[in-house]
Amino acid sequence: MNIRMMSYIAFKSLRVYGGIYSPYRHTKWEEAYVPALGRLTYTLRAPSLEGEQGIYATTLGEVRLHMDEYCSMFLAAPDPDAETEIWTNGWRTTCAIVLGEVDSLHDAARLIVTSHQAGYPQIQEILRWARLMQVAPQEGLTARELVEKSIEVRRMIRAEAMGQYATVRRRTSERRVRVTWSTPIKVVEGGQMPVLGRFPPFYIEVGEDWPPLSSLCNP
C-alpha cells in the first residue's frame, strides 16, 4: 500500500465496476488529479452539509456492518479545503478523496499511525484501532501460546474481526451476536484470518499460520 500520509484517514465501502460508485445512492466518483496526493485518484463532492448531505467515512467495524458482497474496502480522507465535520468515529465532508483500496489492514494501520506521528490529525477511534494492530514479535512462542499470553495479540485479533457478527434465530425472534473486545479467541489450523464462528459458543477463530500472527512468533 503506497499511499501518501493524510489527515483523518477513514474507511469507506465502495463498489467497483467500470468506475467507483457509492453503494446505496449509486453515485459515481469522478477521477481527478489531487494536489495533496500528487496523482490521479477518485473524488466525490456534495453541495453542502445541510441536513444529511455530505460524504461519510467511518471505522472499519462500522463499514463492515454495511458492506455487501459487491463492495470493496477503501481508505478515504476529506479534501483539506472542504467543509468537514469530524467525529470520534468518522467524518462527513463536502469533498472526499479515495486514498486507495485496502489490501492489507496492517498496512492501513501502519499508514494511520505513521501519519499521526508525522503531525497529521486522525480520527480517535480509528487511531485507537490502528495502534492495537501494532504488535512487536515475541520469540520462542507458538501461535497458541502467543494468543494465550499476550493481551496485545488478542486485541490485534479482535480489532481485525471487529464489525463481524453472527445471527441467532429462534422461532419468534432474531438477534445478532457481535465481536466485542472480550470475545474469546480460538487458534485453529491453517492460515485463515480472524472470523467469528457461526454457531454458539461464539469464538473468533484464527489460523495459526495467519501471516500477521505467525510473523509475531519469530521462532
N, C-alpha and C. Protein backbone atom coordinates (compact mmCIF):
# COMPACT_ATOMS: atom_id res chain seq x y z
N MET A 1 0.85 -1.19 0.00
CA MET A 1 0.00 0.00 0.00
C MET A 1 0.88 1.24 0.00
N ASN A 2 1.05 1.86 -1.16
CA ASN A 2 1.91 3.03 -1.31
C ASN A 2 1.04 4.28 -1.35
N ILE A 3 0.70 4.81 -0.18
CA ILE A 3 -0.22 5.93 -0.07
C ILE A 3 0.45 7.03 0.74
N ARG A 4 0.31 8.24 0.29
CA ARG A 4 0.88 9.38 1.00
C ARG A 4 0.09 9.66 2.27
N MET A 5 0.78 10.16 3.30
CA MET A 5 0.14 10.47 4.57
C MET A 5 -0.89 11.59 4.40
N MET A 6 -2.01 11.46 5.14
CA MET A 6 -3.09 12.44 5.10
C MET A 6 -3.70 12.58 6.48
N SER A 7 -4.51 13.60 6.67
CA SER A 7 -5.26 13.78 7.91
C SER A 7 -6.60 13.06 7.81
N TYR A 8 -7.07 12.56 8.96
CA TYR A 8 -8.41 12.00 9.11
C TYR A 8 -8.69 10.85 8.14
N ILE A 9 -7.76 9.90 8.08
CA ILE A 9 -7.94 8.72 7.24
C ILE A 9 -9.03 7.84 7.84
N ALA A 10 -9.97 7.41 7.01
CA ALA A 10 -11.07 6.57 7.49
C ALA A 10 -11.41 5.53 6.43
N PHE A 11 -12.32 4.64 6.78
CA PHE A 11 -12.70 3.54 5.89
C PHE A 11 -13.99 3.88 5.14
N LYS A 12 -14.04 3.41 3.90
CA LYS A 12 -15.19 3.69 3.03
C LYS A 12 -15.47 2.45 2.19
N SER A 13 -16.72 2.03 2.13
CA SER A 13 -17.14 0.90 1.30
C SER A 13 -17.63 1.43 -0.03
N LEU A 14 -17.06 0.92 -1.13
CA LEU A 14 -17.43 1.37 -2.46
C LEU A 14 -17.54 0.18 -3.41
N ARG A 15 -18.35 0.35 -4.45
CA ARG A 15 -18.49 -0.67 -5.49
C ARG A 15 -17.61 -0.31 -6.68
N VAL A 16 -17.00 -1.33 -7.27
CA VAL A 16 -16.10 -1.12 -8.39
C VAL A 16 -16.61 -1.90 -9.59
N TYR A 17 -17.08 -1.20 -10.60
CA TYR A 17 -17.45 -1.83 -11.88
C TYR A 17 -17.46 -0.74 -12.95
N GLY A 18 -16.35 -0.70 -13.71
CA GLY A 18 -16.21 0.34 -14.71
C GLY A 18 -16.08 1.72 -14.10
N GLY A 19 -15.60 1.79 -12.90
CA GLY A 19 -15.50 3.02 -12.12
C GLY A 19 -15.77 2.71 -10.67
N ILE A 20 -15.87 3.75 -9.84
CA ILE A 20 -16.15 3.56 -8.42
C ILE A 20 -17.46 4.26 -8.09
N TYR A 21 -18.33 3.55 -7.35
CA TYR A 21 -19.65 4.06 -7.04
C TYR A 21 -19.96 3.92 -5.56
N SER A 22 -20.71 4.87 -5.02
CA SER A 22 -21.26 4.71 -3.68
C SER A 22 -22.33 3.63 -3.74
N PRO A 23 -22.32 2.68 -2.78
CA PRO A 23 -23.18 1.50 -2.92
C PRO A 23 -24.67 1.75 -2.77
N TYR A 24 -25.08 2.79 -2.05
CA TYR A 24 -26.50 2.96 -1.79
C TYR A 24 -27.16 3.98 -2.71
N ARG A 25 -26.48 5.08 -2.97
CA ARG A 25 -27.05 6.09 -3.87
C ARG A 25 -26.56 5.91 -5.31
N HIS A 26 -25.64 4.97 -5.52
CA HIS A 26 -25.11 4.66 -6.85
C HIS A 26 -24.49 5.89 -7.52
N THR A 27 -23.91 6.76 -6.72
CA THR A 27 -23.26 7.96 -7.24
C THR A 27 -21.86 7.60 -7.72
N LYS A 28 -21.54 8.00 -8.94
CA LYS A 28 -20.22 7.69 -9.48
C LYS A 28 -19.20 8.71 -9.00
N TRP A 29 -18.04 8.21 -8.53
CA TRP A 29 -16.94 9.07 -8.12
C TRP A 29 -16.15 9.46 -9.37
N GLU A 30 -15.71 10.71 -9.42
CA GLU A 30 -15.01 11.22 -10.59
C GLU A 30 -13.50 11.08 -10.43
N GLU A 31 -12.83 10.72 -11.52
CA GLU A 31 -11.37 10.66 -11.48
C GLU A 31 -10.82 12.08 -11.63
N ALA A 32 -9.88 12.44 -10.77
CA ALA A 32 -9.34 13.80 -10.78
C ALA A 32 -7.93 13.80 -10.21
N TYR A 33 -7.16 14.81 -10.59
CA TYR A 33 -5.82 14.99 -10.02
C TYR A 33 -5.97 15.71 -8.68
N VAL A 34 -5.35 15.15 -7.64
CA VAL A 34 -5.43 15.71 -6.29
C VAL A 34 -4.04 16.20 -5.89
N PRO A 35 -3.83 17.50 -5.79
CA PRO A 35 -2.51 18.03 -5.45
C PRO A 35 -1.95 17.49 -4.14
N ALA A 36 -2.84 17.26 -3.15
CA ALA A 36 -2.37 16.77 -1.85
C ALA A 36 -1.73 15.39 -1.96
N LEU A 37 -2.14 14.61 -2.98
CA LEU A 37 -1.57 13.28 -3.20
C LEU A 37 -0.52 13.28 -4.30
N GLY A 38 -0.59 14.28 -5.18
CA GLY A 38 0.35 14.33 -6.31
C GLY A 38 0.05 13.31 -7.38
N ARG A 39 -1.21 12.88 -7.51
CA ARG A 39 -1.57 11.86 -8.51
C ARG A 39 -3.07 11.89 -8.76
N LEU A 40 -3.47 11.11 -9.77
CA LEU A 40 -4.89 10.92 -10.05
C LEU A 40 -5.51 9.97 -9.04
N THR A 41 -6.73 10.25 -8.65
CA THR A 41 -7.49 9.33 -7.81
C THR A 41 -8.97 9.64 -8.03
N TYR A 42 -9.83 9.11 -7.16
CA TYR A 42 -11.27 9.34 -7.29
C TYR A 42 -11.74 10.28 -6.18
N THR A 43 -12.63 11.20 -6.55
CA THR A 43 -13.18 12.14 -5.60
C THR A 43 -14.69 12.24 -5.79
N LEU A 44 -15.36 12.71 -4.75
CA LEU A 44 -16.80 12.94 -4.83
C LEU A 44 -17.12 14.21 -4.05
N ARG A 45 -17.99 15.04 -4.62
CA ARG A 45 -18.36 16.30 -3.98
C ARG A 45 -19.85 16.30 -3.64
N ALA A 46 -20.17 17.01 -2.56
CA ALA A 46 -21.56 17.25 -2.17
C ALA A 46 -21.76 18.76 -2.09
N PRO A 47 -22.97 19.24 -2.39
CA PRO A 47 -23.19 20.69 -2.41
C PRO A 47 -23.03 21.36 -1.05
N SER A 48 -23.37 20.65 0.03
CA SER A 48 -23.27 21.23 1.37
C SER A 48 -23.42 20.11 2.40
N LEU A 49 -23.37 20.49 3.67
CA LEU A 49 -23.60 19.55 4.76
C LEU A 49 -24.96 19.76 5.41
N GLU A 50 -25.85 20.46 4.73
CA GLU A 50 -27.18 20.69 5.28
C GLU A 50 -27.94 19.37 5.38
N GLY A 51 -28.72 19.24 6.44
CA GLY A 51 -29.47 18.00 6.65
C GLY A 51 -28.53 16.82 6.78
N GLU A 52 -28.76 15.79 5.97
CA GLU A 52 -27.90 14.60 6.00
C GLU A 52 -26.99 14.54 4.77
N GLN A 53 -26.81 15.65 4.10
CA GLN A 53 -25.95 15.66 2.92
C GLN A 53 -24.49 15.46 3.32
N GLY A 54 -23.66 15.19 2.32
CA GLY A 54 -22.24 15.00 2.57
C GLY A 54 -21.80 13.58 2.27
N ILE A 55 -20.50 13.40 2.21
CA ILE A 55 -19.90 12.08 2.02
C ILE A 55 -19.36 11.62 3.35
N TYR A 56 -19.68 10.39 3.72
CA TYR A 56 -19.35 9.86 5.04
C TYR A 56 -18.24 8.81 4.96
N ALA A 57 -17.43 8.72 6.01
CA ALA A 57 -16.48 7.63 6.19
C ALA A 57 -16.35 7.37 7.68
N THR A 58 -16.00 6.15 8.05
CA THR A 58 -16.05 5.79 9.46
C THR A 58 -15.04 4.69 9.79
N THR A 59 -15.27 3.99 10.90
CA THR A 59 -14.36 2.95 11.35
C THR A 59 -14.51 1.68 10.53
N LEU A 60 -13.51 0.81 10.64
CA LEU A 60 -13.56 -0.49 9.97
C LEU A 60 -14.78 -1.28 10.40
N GLY A 61 -15.05 -1.33 11.70
CA GLY A 61 -16.19 -2.10 12.20
C GLY A 61 -17.52 -1.61 11.65
N GLU A 62 -17.71 -0.29 11.62
CA GLU A 62 -18.97 0.25 11.10
C GLU A 62 -19.13 -0.03 9.61
N VAL A 63 -18.04 0.11 8.87
CA VAL A 63 -18.12 -0.14 7.43
C VAL A 63 -18.45 -1.61 7.17
N ARG A 64 -17.85 -2.51 7.92
CA ARG A 64 -18.11 -3.94 7.71
C ARG A 64 -19.56 -4.30 7.96
N LEU A 65 -20.22 -3.60 8.87
CA LEU A 65 -21.61 -3.90 9.17
C LEU A 65 -22.52 -3.64 7.97
N HIS A 66 -22.08 -2.75 7.07
CA HIS A 66 -22.95 -2.35 5.96
C HIS A 66 -22.41 -2.75 4.59
N MET A 67 -21.32 -3.51 4.56
CA MET A 67 -20.78 -3.97 3.28
C MET A 67 -21.59 -5.13 2.72
N ASP A 68 -21.67 -5.19 1.42
CA ASP A 68 -22.26 -6.38 0.79
C ASP A 68 -21.19 -7.04 -0.08
N GLU A 69 -21.54 -8.15 -0.71
CA GLU A 69 -20.55 -8.94 -1.43
C GLU A 69 -20.00 -8.23 -2.67
N TYR A 70 -20.66 -7.16 -3.09
CA TYR A 70 -20.19 -6.45 -4.28
C TYR A 70 -19.29 -5.25 -3.94
N CYS A 71 -19.07 -5.01 -2.65
CA CYS A 71 -18.30 -3.85 -2.22
C CYS A 71 -16.85 -4.21 -1.93
N SER A 72 -15.99 -3.22 -2.06
CA SER A 72 -14.59 -3.32 -1.65
C SER A 72 -14.31 -2.24 -0.61
N MET A 73 -13.28 -2.49 0.21
CA MET A 73 -12.93 -1.56 1.27
C MET A 73 -11.84 -0.61 0.78
N PHE A 74 -12.05 0.68 1.04
CA PHE A 74 -11.09 1.71 0.65
C PHE A 74 -10.74 2.58 1.84
N LEU A 75 -9.58 3.24 1.74
CA LEU A 75 -9.25 4.32 2.65
C LEU A 75 -9.61 5.63 1.97
N ALA A 76 -10.17 6.55 2.74
CA ALA A 76 -10.56 7.84 2.20
C ALA A 76 -10.20 8.93 3.20
N ALA A 77 -10.13 10.15 2.71
CA ALA A 77 -9.85 11.31 3.56
C ALA A 77 -10.62 12.50 3.01
N PRO A 78 -10.97 13.45 3.88
CA PRO A 78 -11.61 14.66 3.38
C PRO A 78 -10.60 15.56 2.68
N ASP A 79 -11.04 16.24 1.63
CA ASP A 79 -10.18 17.22 0.98
C ASP A 79 -9.82 18.30 2.01
N PRO A 80 -8.54 18.67 2.11
CA PRO A 80 -8.13 19.66 3.12
C PRO A 80 -8.87 20.99 3.00
N ASP A 81 -9.38 21.33 1.80
CA ASP A 81 -10.06 22.60 1.60
C ASP A 81 -11.59 22.50 1.70
N ALA A 82 -12.10 21.29 1.98
CA ALA A 82 -13.55 21.10 2.02
C ALA A 82 -14.10 21.40 3.41
N GLU A 83 -15.41 21.66 3.45
CA GLU A 83 -16.10 21.78 4.73
C GLU A 83 -16.30 20.36 5.29
N THR A 84 -15.85 20.14 6.51
CA THR A 84 -15.85 18.78 7.06
C THR A 84 -16.24 18.80 8.53
N GLU A 85 -17.08 17.86 8.92
CA GLU A 85 -17.39 17.61 10.33
C GLU A 85 -16.59 16.40 10.77
N ILE A 86 -15.85 16.53 11.87
CA ILE A 86 -15.02 15.45 12.40
C ILE A 86 -15.67 14.91 13.67
N TRP A 87 -15.84 13.59 13.73
CA TRP A 87 -16.39 12.93 14.91
C TRP A 87 -15.34 12.00 15.50
N THR A 88 -15.65 11.39 16.63
CA THR A 88 -14.70 10.44 17.24
C THR A 88 -14.60 9.16 16.43
N ASN A 89 -15.61 8.85 15.60
CA ASN A 89 -15.60 7.59 14.85
C ASN A 89 -15.67 7.78 13.34
N GLY A 90 -15.47 9.03 12.85
CA GLY A 90 -15.52 9.23 11.40
C GLY A 90 -15.70 10.68 11.04
N TRP A 91 -16.20 10.92 9.83
CA TRP A 91 -16.42 12.28 9.36
C TRP A 91 -17.45 12.29 8.24
N ARG A 92 -17.91 13.50 7.93
CA ARG A 92 -18.64 13.75 6.69
C ARG A 92 -18.12 15.06 6.12
N THR A 93 -18.09 15.15 4.82
CA THR A 93 -17.43 16.26 4.17
C THR A 93 -18.14 16.61 2.86
N THR A 94 -17.82 17.79 2.34
CA THR A 94 -18.35 18.18 1.04
C THR A 94 -17.47 17.69 -0.11
N CYS A 95 -16.26 17.17 0.22
CA CYS A 95 -15.41 16.60 -0.83
C CYS A 95 -14.51 15.52 -0.22
N ALA A 96 -14.67 14.29 -0.68
CA ALA A 96 -13.89 13.16 -0.18
C ALA A 96 -12.93 12.68 -1.25
N ILE A 97 -11.79 12.17 -0.80
CA ILE A 97 -10.73 11.69 -1.68
C ILE A 97 -10.47 10.21 -1.38
N VAL A 98 -10.45 9.38 -2.41
CA VAL A 98 -10.05 7.99 -2.24
C VAL A 98 -8.53 7.91 -2.18
N LEU A 99 -8.00 7.33 -1.13
CA LEU A 99 -6.55 7.15 -1.00
C LEU A 99 -6.08 5.86 -1.64
N GLY A 100 -6.91 4.83 -1.58
CA GLY A 100 -6.54 3.55 -2.18
C GLY A 100 -7.38 2.43 -1.61
N GLU A 101 -7.38 1.30 -2.31
CA GLU A 101 -8.10 0.12 -1.82
C GLU A 101 -7.30 -0.55 -0.72
N VAL A 102 -8.00 -1.08 0.28
CA VAL A 102 -7.34 -1.74 1.40
C VAL A 102 -7.02 -3.18 1.00
N ASP A 103 -5.74 -3.48 0.80
CA ASP A 103 -5.34 -4.86 0.53
C ASP A 103 -4.66 -5.49 1.73
N SER A 104 -4.36 -4.70 2.75
CA SER A 104 -3.76 -5.19 3.99
C SER A 104 -4.17 -4.27 5.12
N LEU A 105 -4.88 -4.82 6.11
CA LEU A 105 -5.28 -4.00 7.24
C LEU A 105 -4.08 -3.54 8.05
N HIS A 106 -3.03 -4.36 8.08
CA HIS A 106 -1.83 -3.97 8.83
C HIS A 106 -1.13 -2.81 8.15
N ASP A 107 -1.12 -2.80 6.83
CA ASP A 107 -0.54 -1.66 6.13
C ASP A 107 -1.39 -0.41 6.34
N ALA A 108 -2.71 -0.58 6.35
CA ALA A 108 -3.59 0.55 6.59
C ALA A 108 -3.35 1.12 8.00
N ALA A 109 -3.23 0.22 8.97
CA ALA A 109 -2.98 0.67 10.35
C ALA A 109 -1.65 1.39 10.45
N ARG A 110 -0.64 0.86 9.78
CA ARG A 110 0.68 1.49 9.82
C ARG A 110 0.63 2.89 9.21
N LEU A 111 -0.11 3.06 8.12
CA LEU A 111 -0.24 4.37 7.49
C LEU A 111 -0.91 5.36 8.44
N ILE A 112 -1.94 4.93 9.13
CA ILE A 112 -2.67 5.82 10.04
C ILE A 112 -1.78 6.23 11.21
N VAL A 113 -1.07 5.27 11.80
CA VAL A 113 -0.19 5.59 12.93
C VAL A 113 0.97 6.47 12.47
N THR A 114 1.56 6.16 11.34
CA THR A 114 2.68 6.96 10.82
C THR A 114 2.24 8.39 10.51
N SER A 115 1.05 8.53 9.93
CA SER A 115 0.52 9.86 9.63
C SER A 115 0.32 10.66 10.91
N HIS A 116 -0.22 10.01 11.93
CA HIS A 116 -0.42 10.68 13.22
C HIS A 116 0.92 11.12 13.82
N GLN A 117 1.91 10.24 13.77
CA GLN A 117 3.21 10.57 14.33
C GLN A 117 3.88 11.71 13.57
N ALA A 118 3.54 11.87 12.30
CA ALA A 118 4.11 12.94 11.48
C ALA A 118 3.36 14.26 11.64
N GLY A 119 2.33 14.28 12.47
CA GLY A 119 1.61 15.52 12.74
C GLY A 119 0.28 15.67 12.05
N TYR A 120 -0.16 14.63 11.32
CA TYR A 120 -1.47 14.69 10.67
C TYR A 120 -2.54 14.19 11.64
N PRO A 121 -3.51 15.01 12.03
CA PRO A 121 -4.53 14.55 12.98
C PRO A 121 -5.35 13.40 12.41
N GLN A 122 -5.77 12.50 13.30
CA GLN A 122 -6.53 11.33 12.88
C GLN A 122 -7.80 11.19 13.69
N ILE A 123 -8.68 10.30 13.24
CA ILE A 123 -9.94 10.02 13.92
C ILE A 123 -9.66 9.19 15.17
N GLN A 124 -10.21 9.60 16.29
CA GLN A 124 -9.86 8.99 17.58
C GLN A 124 -10.01 7.48 17.60
N GLU A 125 -11.18 6.97 17.25
CA GLU A 125 -11.42 5.52 17.33
C GLU A 125 -10.63 4.76 16.28
N ILE A 126 -10.41 5.36 15.12
CA ILE A 126 -9.63 4.69 14.07
C ILE A 126 -8.16 4.64 14.46
N LEU A 127 -7.65 5.70 15.06
CA LEU A 127 -6.27 5.69 15.55
C LEU A 127 -6.10 4.66 16.66
N ARG A 128 -7.08 4.54 17.53
CA ARG A 128 -7.01 3.51 18.59
C ARG A 128 -6.92 2.12 17.97
N TRP A 129 -7.77 1.86 16.98
CA TRP A 129 -7.72 0.56 16.29
C TRP A 129 -6.35 0.34 15.66
N ALA A 130 -5.83 1.36 14.98
CA ALA A 130 -4.55 1.22 14.28
C ALA A 130 -3.42 0.92 15.26
N ARG A 131 -3.45 1.54 16.42
CA ARG A 131 -2.41 1.28 17.42
C ARG A 131 -2.48 -0.16 17.95
N LEU A 132 -3.71 -0.67 18.06
CA LEU A 132 -3.86 -2.05 18.52
C LEU A 132 -3.31 -3.06 17.53
N MET A 133 -3.21 -2.65 16.27
CA MET A 133 -2.70 -3.55 15.25
C MET A 133 -1.17 -3.59 15.22
N GLN A 134 -0.53 -2.70 15.98
CA GLN A 134 0.93 -2.66 16.01
C GLN A 134 1.44 -3.49 17.19
N VAL A 135 1.92 -4.68 16.91
CA VAL A 135 2.38 -5.60 17.95
C VAL A 135 3.79 -6.07 17.63
N ALA A 136 4.67 -6.06 18.63
CA ALA A 136 6.06 -6.47 18.43
C ALA A 136 6.18 -8.00 18.47
N PRO A 137 7.09 -8.58 17.67
CA PRO A 137 7.31 -10.03 17.70
C PRO A 137 7.79 -10.51 19.07
N GLN A 138 7.48 -11.78 19.38
CA GLN A 138 7.94 -12.40 20.62
C GLN A 138 8.54 -13.76 20.27
N GLU A 139 9.79 -13.93 20.53
CA GLU A 139 10.49 -15.16 20.14
C GLU A 139 10.13 -16.34 21.02
N GLY A 140 10.19 -17.53 20.41
CA GLY A 140 10.11 -18.78 21.17
C GLY A 140 8.72 -19.22 21.55
N LEU A 141 7.67 -18.56 21.06
CA LEU A 141 6.30 -18.94 21.40
C LEU A 141 5.56 -19.42 20.15
N THR A 142 4.72 -20.42 20.33
CA THR A 142 3.84 -20.83 19.24
C THR A 142 2.70 -19.84 19.13
N ALA A 143 1.93 -19.95 18.05
CA ALA A 143 0.79 -19.04 17.86
C ALA A 143 -0.20 -19.18 19.00
N ARG A 144 -0.48 -20.41 19.42
CA ARG A 144 -1.44 -20.62 20.51
C ARG A 144 -0.93 -20.02 21.82
N GLU A 145 0.36 -20.20 22.09
CA GLU A 145 0.93 -19.63 23.32
C GLU A 145 0.91 -18.12 23.28
N LEU A 146 1.16 -17.56 22.11
CA LEU A 146 1.18 -16.11 21.96
C LEU A 146 -0.20 -15.52 22.22
N VAL A 147 -1.23 -16.15 21.69
CA VAL A 147 -2.60 -15.67 21.91
C VAL A 147 -2.98 -15.80 23.38
N GLU A 148 -2.54 -16.88 24.00
CA GLU A 148 -2.87 -17.10 25.41
C GLU A 148 -2.16 -16.10 26.33
N LYS A 149 -0.93 -15.75 26.03
CA LYS A 149 -0.12 -14.96 26.95
C LYS A 149 -0.16 -13.45 26.69
N SER A 150 -0.46 -13.03 25.47
CA SER A 150 -0.31 -11.63 25.10
C SER A 150 -1.65 -10.94 24.90
N ILE A 151 -1.95 -9.98 25.77
CA ILE A 151 -3.19 -9.21 25.62
C ILE A 151 -3.14 -8.35 24.38
N GLU A 152 -1.91 -7.89 23.99
CA GLU A 152 -1.78 -7.09 22.78
C GLU A 152 -2.14 -7.89 21.54
N VAL A 153 -1.74 -9.16 21.51
CA VAL A 153 -2.07 -10.00 20.36
C VAL A 153 -3.57 -10.27 20.31
N ARG A 154 -4.17 -10.52 21.45
CA ARG A 154 -5.63 -10.74 21.47
C ARG A 154 -6.37 -9.50 21.00
N ARG A 155 -5.90 -8.33 21.41
CA ARG A 155 -6.53 -7.09 20.95
C ARG A 155 -6.37 -6.93 19.44
N MET A 156 -5.20 -7.29 18.92
CA MET A 156 -4.97 -7.19 17.49
C MET A 156 -5.96 -8.07 16.73
N ILE A 157 -6.15 -9.30 17.20
CA ILE A 157 -7.06 -10.24 16.54
C ILE A 157 -8.50 -9.73 16.61
N ARG A 158 -8.90 -9.22 17.76
CA ARG A 158 -10.26 -8.69 17.89
C ARG A 158 -10.45 -7.44 17.04
N ALA A 159 -9.41 -6.62 16.95
CA ALA A 159 -9.50 -5.43 16.11
C ALA A 159 -9.71 -5.82 14.65
N GLU A 160 -9.01 -6.88 14.21
CA GLU A 160 -9.15 -7.36 12.83
C GLU A 160 -10.57 -7.87 12.58
N ALA A 161 -11.19 -8.49 13.60
CA ALA A 161 -12.52 -9.09 13.43
C ALA A 161 -13.66 -8.14 13.77
N MET A 162 -13.33 -6.95 14.27
CA MET A 162 -14.37 -6.03 14.71
C MET A 162 -15.34 -5.71 13.57
N GLY A 163 -16.62 -5.71 13.90
CA GLY A 163 -17.66 -5.46 12.90
C GLY A 163 -18.34 -6.72 12.42
N GLN A 164 -17.72 -7.89 12.65
CA GLN A 164 -18.35 -9.15 12.26
C GLN A 164 -19.45 -9.52 13.26
N TYR A 165 -20.41 -10.29 12.78
CA TYR A 165 -21.49 -10.72 13.67
C TYR A 165 -22.06 -12.05 13.18
N ALA A 166 -22.72 -12.74 14.09
CA ALA A 166 -23.46 -13.95 13.76
C ALA A 166 -24.92 -13.72 14.13
N THR A 167 -25.83 -14.27 13.34
CA THR A 167 -27.26 -14.10 13.58
C THR A 167 -27.82 -15.35 14.25
N VAL A 168 -28.47 -15.16 15.39
CA VAL A 168 -29.09 -16.27 16.13
C VAL A 168 -30.60 -16.16 15.93
N ARG A 169 -31.16 -17.17 15.32
CA ARG A 169 -32.60 -17.15 15.04
C ARG A 169 -33.33 -18.15 15.93
N ARG A 170 -34.37 -17.67 16.56
CA ARG A 170 -35.30 -18.52 17.31
C ARG A 170 -36.61 -18.60 16.52
N ARG A 171 -37.56 -19.30 17.05
CA ARG A 171 -38.83 -19.44 16.32
C ARG A 171 -39.51 -18.10 16.11
N THR A 172 -39.47 -17.25 17.11
CA THR A 172 -40.20 -15.98 17.02
C THR A 172 -39.30 -14.76 17.15
N SER A 173 -37.99 -14.96 17.17
CA SER A 173 -37.11 -13.81 17.36
C SER A 173 -35.78 -14.03 16.64
N GLU A 174 -35.02 -12.95 16.58
CA GLU A 174 -33.72 -12.98 15.93
C GLU A 174 -32.82 -11.94 16.60
N ARG A 175 -31.57 -12.29 16.83
CA ARG A 175 -30.63 -11.32 17.41
C ARG A 175 -29.25 -11.53 16.80
N ARG A 176 -28.45 -10.49 16.87
CA ARG A 176 -27.08 -10.53 16.35
C ARG A 176 -26.09 -10.58 17.50
N VAL A 177 -25.12 -11.48 17.37
CA VAL A 177 -24.01 -11.55 18.31
C VAL A 177 -22.81 -10.93 17.62
N ARG A 178 -22.31 -9.82 18.15
CA ARG A 178 -21.23 -9.08 17.51
C ARG A 178 -19.89 -9.34 18.20
N VAL A 179 -18.82 -9.14 17.46
CA VAL A 179 -17.48 -9.20 18.04
C VAL A 179 -17.32 -8.02 19.00
N THR A 180 -16.80 -8.30 20.20
CA THR A 180 -16.50 -7.26 21.18
C THR A 180 -15.05 -7.40 21.60
N TRP A 181 -14.61 -6.51 22.48
CA TRP A 181 -13.23 -6.57 22.97
C TRP A 181 -13.03 -7.69 23.98
N SER A 182 -14.07 -8.47 24.27
CA SER A 182 -13.93 -9.61 25.17
C SER A 182 -14.33 -10.94 24.52
N THR A 183 -14.63 -10.95 23.23
CA THR A 183 -14.98 -12.19 22.54
C THR A 183 -13.82 -13.18 22.62
N PRO A 184 -14.07 -14.43 23.07
CA PRO A 184 -12.97 -15.40 23.18
C PRO A 184 -12.40 -15.76 21.82
N ILE A 185 -11.14 -16.20 21.82
CA ILE A 185 -10.40 -16.49 20.59
C ILE A 185 -9.96 -17.94 20.59
N LYS A 186 -10.11 -18.60 19.46
CA LYS A 186 -9.65 -19.98 19.30
C LYS A 186 -8.68 -20.04 18.12
N VAL A 187 -7.48 -20.58 18.37
CA VAL A 187 -6.49 -20.74 17.31
C VAL A 187 -6.73 -22.10 16.65
N VAL A 188 -6.84 -22.09 15.33
CA VAL A 188 -7.11 -23.31 14.57
C VAL A 188 -6.00 -23.53 13.56
N GLU A 189 -6.01 -24.70 12.94
CA GLU A 189 -5.01 -24.99 11.90
C GLU A 189 -5.29 -24.16 10.66
N GLY A 190 -4.22 -23.89 9.91
CA GLY A 190 -4.38 -23.18 8.65
C GLY A 190 -4.03 -21.70 8.77
N GLY A 191 -4.36 -20.97 7.72
CA GLY A 191 -3.96 -19.57 7.64
C GLY A 191 -5.12 -18.61 7.56
N GLN A 192 -6.31 -19.00 8.05
CA GLN A 192 -7.47 -18.13 7.91
C GLN A 192 -7.35 -16.89 8.78
N MET A 193 -7.88 -15.79 8.27
CA MET A 193 -7.92 -14.55 9.03
C MET A 193 -8.96 -14.69 10.15
N PRO A 194 -8.95 -13.80 11.15
CA PRO A 194 -9.92 -13.90 12.23
C PRO A 194 -11.37 -13.83 11.74
N VAL A 195 -12.14 -14.84 12.07
CA VAL A 195 -13.54 -14.91 11.64
C VAL A 195 -14.39 -15.35 12.82
N LEU A 196 -15.51 -14.66 13.04
CA LEU A 196 -16.42 -15.06 14.10
C LEU A 196 -17.16 -16.32 13.69
N GLY A 197 -17.13 -17.35 14.58
CA GLY A 197 -17.82 -18.60 14.28
C GLY A 197 -19.31 -18.41 14.11
N ARG A 198 -19.94 -19.31 13.39
CA ARG A 198 -21.37 -19.18 13.06
C ARG A 198 -22.29 -19.80 14.11
N PHE A 199 -21.73 -20.63 15.00
CA PHE A 199 -22.57 -21.34 15.96
C PHE A 199 -22.05 -21.13 17.38
N PRO A 200 -22.95 -21.15 18.38
CA PRO A 200 -22.52 -20.98 19.77
C PRO A 200 -21.76 -22.21 20.26
N PRO A 201 -20.81 -21.99 21.19
CA PRO A 201 -20.38 -20.70 21.72
C PRO A 201 -19.58 -19.94 20.67
N PHE A 202 -19.74 -18.63 20.61
CA PHE A 202 -19.18 -17.84 19.52
C PHE A 202 -17.74 -17.42 19.83
N TYR A 203 -16.80 -18.04 19.11
CA TYR A 203 -15.39 -17.70 19.21
C TYR A 203 -14.95 -16.97 17.94
N ILE A 204 -13.92 -16.15 18.09
CA ILE A 204 -13.19 -15.69 16.91
C ILE A 204 -12.18 -16.78 16.58
N GLU A 205 -12.29 -17.37 15.41
CA GLU A 205 -11.34 -18.41 15.00
C GLU A 205 -10.28 -17.80 14.10
N VAL A 206 -9.01 -18.06 14.44
CA VAL A 206 -7.91 -17.51 13.67
C VAL A 206 -6.90 -18.62 13.39
N GLY A 207 -6.39 -18.67 12.18
CA GLY A 207 -5.43 -19.71 11.81
C GLY A 207 -4.06 -19.45 12.40
N GLU A 208 -3.40 -20.51 12.86
CA GLU A 208 -2.07 -20.35 13.44
C GLU A 208 -1.05 -19.88 12.41
N ASP A 209 -1.36 -20.08 11.11
CA ASP A 209 -0.46 -19.62 10.05
C ASP A 209 -0.94 -18.32 9.40
N TRP A 210 -1.96 -17.67 10.00
CA TRP A 210 -2.37 -16.36 9.51
C TRP A 210 -1.16 -15.44 9.59
N PRO A 211 -0.72 -14.85 8.47
CA PRO A 211 0.57 -14.14 8.44
C PRO A 211 0.81 -13.12 9.54
N PRO A 212 -0.16 -12.23 9.88
CA PRO A 212 0.12 -11.28 10.95
C PRO A 212 0.37 -11.93 12.31
N LEU A 213 -0.21 -13.14 12.52
CA LEU A 213 0.03 -13.86 13.77
C LEU A 213 1.31 -14.67 13.72
N SER A 214 1.50 -15.45 12.65
CA SER A 214 2.69 -16.29 12.56
C SER A 214 3.97 -15.46 12.51
N SER A 215 3.90 -14.25 11.95
CA SER A 215 5.10 -13.41 11.88
C SER A 215 5.53 -12.91 13.25
N LEU A 216 4.62 -12.94 14.22
CA LEU A 216 4.95 -12.48 15.57
C LEU A 216 5.63 -13.54 16.40
N CYS A 217 5.51 -14.82 15.96
CA CYS A 217 6.14 -15.90 16.73
C CYS A 217 7.66 -15.86 16.59
N ASN A 218 8.11 -15.61 15.38
CA ASN A 218 9.55 -15.38 15.13
C ASN A 218 10.43 -16.39 15.86
N PRO A 219 10.21 -17.71 15.65
CA PRO A 219 10.96 -18.70 16.42
C PRO A 219 12.45 -18.69 16.09
